[in-house]
Protein backbone atom coordinates (compact mmCIF):
# COMPACT_ATOMS: atom_id res chain seq x y z
CA MET A 1 15.95 15.97 14.10
CA VAL A 2 17.95 12.75 14.43
CA VAL A 3 17.06 10.08 11.90
CA ASP A 4 17.92 6.46 12.62
CA SER A 5 19.41 5.19 9.37
CA SER A 6 19.76 1.59 10.52
CA PRO A 7 17.57 -0.76 8.50
CA ILE A 8 14.57 -2.46 10.03
CA SER A 9 15.52 -6.12 10.00
CA ASP A 10 13.12 -9.01 9.41
CA ASP A 11 13.73 -10.16 12.99
CA LEU A 12 12.82 -6.74 14.36
CA MET A 13 9.69 -6.68 12.18
CA ARG A 14 8.61 -10.12 13.45
CA ASP A 15 9.21 -9.06 17.04
CA MET A 16 7.29 -5.81 16.66
CA LEU A 17 4.37 -7.53 14.91
CA THR A 18 3.91 -9.86 17.89
CA LYS A 19 3.46 -6.76 20.06
CA SER A 20 0.93 -5.03 17.83
CA GLN A 21 -2.52 -4.31 19.17
CA THR A 22 -6.00 -4.03 17.71
CA TYR A 23 -7.36 -0.51 17.50
CA THR A 24 -10.66 0.77 16.19
CA VAL A 25 -11.06 4.25 14.72
CA VAL A 26 -14.41 5.97 15.13
CA LEU A 27 -15.22 8.99 12.98
CA LEU A 28 -18.11 11.02 14.41
CA LYS A 29 -20.03 12.91 11.78
CA ALA A 30 -21.44 16.33 12.58
CA THR A 31 -25.14 17.00 12.17
CA LEU A 32 -27.07 20.24 11.98
CA ARG A 33 -28.55 19.44 15.41
CA GLN A 34 -25.10 19.05 16.93
CA ARG A 35 -24.34 22.69 16.17
CA THR A 36 -27.22 24.14 18.16
CA PRO A 37 -27.03 25.55 21.71
CA GLU A 38 -29.68 23.20 23.13
CA VAL A 39 -27.42 20.16 22.71
CA ASP A 40 -24.55 21.62 24.73
CA ALA A 41 -25.51 19.55 27.79
CA ILE A 42 -25.54 16.34 25.72
CA ILE A 43 -22.13 17.13 24.25
CA TRP A 44 -20.82 17.91 27.75
CA GLU A 45 -21.93 14.48 29.02
CA HIS A 46 -20.50 12.85 25.88
CA GLY A 47 -17.17 14.43 26.79
CA ARG A 48 -17.47 13.13 30.35
CA ARG A 49 -17.99 9.59 28.97
CA ASN A 50 -14.95 10.02 26.72
CA PHE A 51 -12.81 10.99 29.72
CA ALA A 52 -14.09 7.95 31.63
CA LEU A 53 -13.21 5.68 28.70
CA ARG A 54 -9.74 7.25 28.57
CA ALA A 55 -9.28 6.67 32.30
CA GLU A 56 -10.23 3.01 31.77
CA GLY A 57 -7.64 2.70 28.99
CA VAL A 58 -10.26 1.93 26.35
CA LEU A 59 -10.16 5.22 24.43
CA SER A 60 -6.53 5.92 23.55
CA ILE A 61 -7.03 9.14 21.61
CA VAL A 62 -10.06 11.39 21.35
CA CYS A 63 -10.22 14.74 19.70
CA PRO A 64 -12.89 17.08 18.46
CA VAL A 65 -12.79 18.32 14.89
CA VAL A 66 -13.46 22.05 14.92
CA ASP A 67 -12.85 22.98 11.32
CA ASN A 68 -16.53 23.32 10.33
CA SER A 69 -16.25 20.22 8.16
CA GLU A 70 -18.68 17.32 8.14
CA TRP A 71 -16.75 15.69 11.02
CA ALA A 72 -17.32 16.31 14.72
CA GLY A 73 -14.69 14.07 16.30
CA ILE A 74 -12.24 11.22 16.02
CA GLY A 75 -11.66 8.49 18.56
CA ILE A 76 -9.07 5.73 18.54
CA PHE A 77 -10.10 2.87 20.79
CA ASN A 78 -7.77 0.25 22.22
CA ALA A 79 -10.41 -2.40 21.45
CA THR A 80 -12.03 -4.41 18.69
CA VAL A 81 -14.95 -3.17 16.64
CA GLU A 82 -17.28 -5.46 18.60
CA GLU A 83 -16.07 -4.11 21.94
CA VAL A 84 -16.43 -0.52 20.81
CA ALA A 85 -19.97 -1.11 19.49
């Protein structure tokens, strides 16, 4: 792995901050209902909507959480909280 040891200058920081974007992170909590076979069709259509949002450039990253924790998924939207709601 190559590590860039050059310092990040104040000018570079200012330049990069002008290019920063607003993102919104959505954490989808799992429910007992979500883990039942009868909701498979709903989850399938939810996935279809996620792919459509990705194609539109609104949903930058989406991933299911499959570790049997309380979380079902994580989405990072290229939008404000109001737009995501």
